[in-house]
Amino acid sequence: MSEDPVVRAARAYKRAQDTANARRTDLVEAVVHAVLVDHRRQSEVARLSGYTREHVRRLCREHLDTIEAYEEAHADDEQAGH
């Protein structure tokens, strides 16, 4: 008995979503690295990535906020003797 076409299509769709999510994560990491580490212009990175300049700024800001929160959490651990 062959697999139901709806089930087959749903599985293919889920695989495509997973792949797209992984590629989106790769793109975000590349954008953030380009701006914050390589010091490339946000406008250039926006043009190359297809994101708006505001979205590039938001991604970088979110990344920096995450680092700051991580460092604060670990500073509290160090002060507590952990």
Protein backbone atom coordinates (compact mmCIF):
# COMPACT_ATOMS: atom_id res chain seq x y z
CA MET A 1 0.00 0.00 0.00
CA SER A 2 1.44 3.39 -0.97
CA GLU A 3 1.65 6.32 1.39
CA ASP A 4 -1.27 8.73 1.41
CA PRO A 5 -0.48 11.76 -0.81
CA VAL A 6 -1.62 14.17 1.91
CA VAL A 7 0.74 12.59 4.44
CA ARG A 8 3.58 12.61 1.91
CA ALA A 9 2.97 16.28 1.05
CA ALA A 10 2.70 17.24 4.73
CA ARG A 11 6.03 15.54 5.51
CA ALA A 12 7.71 17.26 2.55
CA TYR A 13 6.31 20.60 3.67
CA LYS A 14 7.61 20.07 7.23
CA ARG A 15 11.07 19.19 5.89
CA ALA A 16 11.05 22.34 3.74
CA GLN A 17 10.03 24.46 6.74
CA ASP A 18 12.83 22.96 8.84
CA THR A 19 15.35 23.65 6.08
CA ALA A 20 14.09 27.23 5.64
CA ASN A 21 14.31 27.85 9.39
CA ALA A 22 17.89 26.57 9.48
CA ARG A 23 18.87 28.76 6.52
CA ARG A 24 17.16 31.78 8.12
CA THR A 25 19.20 31.20 11.28
CA ASP A 26 22.37 31.02 9.16
CA LEU A 27 21.46 34.30 7.47
CA VAL A 28 20.76 36.06 10.77
CA GLU A 29 24.09 34.87 12.18
CA ALA A 30 25.91 36.07 9.05
CA VAL A 31 24.16 39.46 9.16
CA VAL A 32 24.97 40.01 12.84
CA HIS A 33 28.58 38.92 12.35
CA ALA A 34 29.01 41.18 9.33
CA VAL A 35 27.80 44.24 11.22
CA LEU A 36 29.13 43.65 14.73
CA VAL A 37 32.38 41.80 14.06
CA ASP A 38 33.40 42.76 10.53
CA HIS A 39 32.10 46.34 10.99
CA ARG A 40 30.32 46.37 7.64
CA ARG A 41 27.75 49.06 6.98
CA GLN A 42 24.18 48.15 7.89
CA SER A 43 22.96 49.52 4.57
CA GLU A 44 25.31 47.22 2.65
CA VAL A 45 24.33 44.19 4.71
CA ALA A 46 20.65 45.05 4.26
CA ARG A 47 21.07 45.30 0.50
CA LEU A 48 22.93 41.99 0.30
CA SER A 49 20.61 40.09 2.65
CA GLY A 50 17.29 41.43 1.43
CA TYR A 51 16.42 42.64 4.92
CA THR A 52 15.55 46.27 5.60
CA ARG A 53 18.09 48.41 7.43
CA GLU A 54 15.70 48.55 10.38
CA HIS A 55 15.51 44.76 10.51
CA VAL A 56 19.33 44.52 10.43
CA ARG A 57 19.51 47.01 13.31
CA ARG A 58 16.87 45.04 15.24
CA LEU A 59 18.74 41.75 14.77
CA CYS A 60 21.98 43.30 16.00
CA ARG A 61 20.26 44.94 18.97
CA GLU A 62 18.58 41.64 19.93
CA HIS A 63 21.92 39.87 19.70
CA LEU A 64 23.62 42.44 21.93
CA ASP A 65 20.73 42.30 24.42
CA THR A 66 21.10 38.51 24.58
CA ILE A 67 24.83 38.78 25.25
CA GLU A 68 24.24 41.40 27.93
CA ALA A 69 21.61 39.24 29.67
CA TYR A 70 23.93 36.22 29.52
CA GLU A 71 26.82 38.18 31.00
CA GLU A 72 24.62 39.59 33.77
CA ALA A 73 23.35 36.14 34.67
CA HIS A 74 26.85 34.74 34.85
CA ALA A 75 28.14 37.72 36.83
CA ASP A 76 25.49 36.92 39.43
CA ASP A 77 26.69 33.29 39.47
CA GLU A 78 30.30 34.38 40.00
CA GLN A 79 29.33 36.70 42.84
CA ALA A 80 27.42 33.85 44.49
CA GLY A 81 30.52 31.66 44.28
CA HIS A 82 29.33 29.31 41.55
